[in-house]
Amino acid sequence: DTFWGTSDISGYIHALKMGCRSLELVVWDGPDNEPLIYVGHSVTSQVAFRSVVSVINQYAFEASEYPLILCLVVHCSVKQQKLMVQCLRKILGDKLYTELPNP
């Protein structure tokens, strides 16, 4: 339940093990410079962005070799956006596709 439910990484693990190829992550500023994922203006609990990216790294290609599309809905300050970029690069490494398409 995206309004009342409990948030934890098990939902992401389950989706990735089932072969999910697209995830939407709604990211907000968190305390101590730790971006958090949760549905804004709801009573769901919060999950650290870093934890979800680690789960993605571990399970994204377990059930499928096809690319995983991450839709990042970012409500963070520039400072925490930079931390998100560092986190994605450090944890996903060469699994992260960063090349721009040729026009």
Protein backbone atom coordinates (compact mmCIF):
# COMPACT_ATOMS: atom_id res chain seq x y z
CA ASP A 1 0.00 0.00 0.00
CA THR A 2 1.76 3.17 -1.17
CA PHE A 3 -0.10 5.45 1.26
CA TRP A 4 -0.34 3.49 4.52
CA GLY A 5 2.05 0.59 4.02
CA THR A 6 5.42 -0.21 5.44
CA SER A 7 8.44 0.43 3.23
CA ASP A 8 11.39 -1.91 3.23
CA ILE A 9 13.79 -3.38 0.73
CA SER A 10 12.02 -6.75 0.52
CA GLY A 11 9.57 -5.36 -2.05
CA TYR A 12 12.45 -4.34 -4.30
CA ILE A 13 14.11 -7.74 -3.89
CA HIS A 14 10.88 -9.55 -4.76
CA ALA A 15 10.22 -7.38 -7.83
CA LEU A 16 13.77 -7.83 -9.15
CA LYS A 17 13.73 -11.60 -8.56
CA MET A 18 10.48 -11.74 -10.57
CA GLY A 19 12.26 -10.05 -13.50
CA CYS A 20 10.99 -6.48 -13.07
CA ARG A 21 12.75 -4.21 -15.58
CA SER A 22 11.57 -0.80 -14.40
CA LEU A 23 11.58 0.80 -10.95
CA GLU A 24 10.38 4.22 -9.87
CA LEU A 25 12.27 5.63 -6.90
CA VAL A 26 10.82 8.75 -5.25
CA VAL A 27 13.75 10.33 -3.42
CA TRP A 28 13.64 13.04 -0.77
CA ASP A 29 16.18 14.83 1.40
CA GLY A 30 16.95 12.82 4.49
CA PRO A 31 18.75 13.55 7.72
CA ASP A 32 22.52 13.34 7.97
CA ASN A 33 22.94 13.78 4.19
CA GLU A 34 21.28 10.42 3.48
CA PRO A 35 18.67 10.64 0.69
CA LEU A 36 15.53 8.65 1.48
CA ILE A 37 12.97 6.84 -0.66
CA TYR A 38 9.29 7.16 0.23
CA VAL A 39 6.01 8.37 -1.19
CA GLY A 40 5.72 12.02 -0.19
CA HIS A 41 2.80 13.27 1.89
CA SER A 42 1.94 9.74 3.01
CA VAL A 43 2.50 7.78 6.19
CA THR A 44 4.72 5.10 4.67
CA SER A 45 8.05 4.44 6.29
CA GLN A 46 11.30 5.52 4.67
CA VAL A 47 14.13 3.51 3.11
CA ALA A 48 17.68 4.77 2.58
CA PHE A 49 18.49 5.42 -1.09
CA ARG A 50 21.84 3.68 -0.60
CA SER A 51 20.12 0.50 0.64
CA VAL A 52 17.84 0.32 -2.39
CA VAL A 53 20.75 0.90 -4.80
CA SER A 54 22.66 -1.92 -3.07
CA VAL A 55 19.67 -4.25 -3.53
CA ILE A 56 19.45 -3.23 -7.18
CA ASN A 57 23.14 -4.02 -7.62
CA GLN A 58 22.71 -7.43 -6.03
CA TYR A 59 19.45 -8.59 -7.67
CA ALA A 60 18.84 -6.59 -10.87
CA PHE A 61 20.34 -9.17 -13.21
CA GLU A 62 19.56 -12.35 -11.28
CA ALA A 63 16.33 -13.10 -13.19
CA SER A 64 16.96 -11.17 -16.41
CA GLU A 65 19.88 -10.03 -18.51
CA TYR A 66 17.89 -7.11 -19.95
CA PRO A 67 18.50 -3.54 -18.79
CA LEU A 68 16.80 -2.21 -15.69
CA ILE A 69 15.28 1.24 -16.12
CA LEU A 70 15.39 3.44 -13.04
CA CYS A 71 12.96 6.34 -12.96
CA LEU A 72 14.27 8.70 -10.32
CA VAL A 73 11.69 11.19 -9.07
CA VAL A 74 14.01 13.56 -7.24
CA HIS A 75 12.79 15.98 -4.56
CA CYS A 76 16.28 16.47 -3.10
CA SER A 77 18.52 19.47 -2.66
CA VAL A 78 21.48 19.79 -5.02
CA LYS A 79 23.74 18.62 -2.20
CA GLN A 80 21.85 15.35 -1.77
CA GLN A 81 21.51 14.92 -5.54
CA LYS A 82 25.30 14.91 -5.72
CA LEU A 83 25.36 12.24 -3.00
CA MET A 84 22.88 10.20 -5.05
CA VAL A 85 25.17 10.37 -8.09
CA GLN A 86 28.18 9.29 -6.01
CA CYS A 87 26.16 6.42 -4.56
CA LEU A 88 24.96 5.21 -7.97
CA ARG A 89 28.47 5.36 -9.44
CA LYS A 90 30.15 3.70 -6.46
CA ILE A 91 27.65 0.86 -5.98
CA LEU A 92 26.57 0.14 -9.56
CA GLY A 93 29.92 0.89 -11.22
CA ASP A 94 30.04 -0.40 -14.79
CA LYS A 95 26.45 -1.67 -14.54
CA LEU A 96 25.35 1.96 -14.84
CA TYR A 97 24.85 3.04 -18.44
CA THR A 98 26.03 6.64 -18.75
CA GLU A 99 26.68 7.18 -22.45
CA LEU A 100 24.63 9.75 -24.28
CA PRO A 101 22.80 8.57 -27.41
CA ASN A 102 24.09 9.69 -30.81
CA PRO A 103 21.62 12.05 -32.53
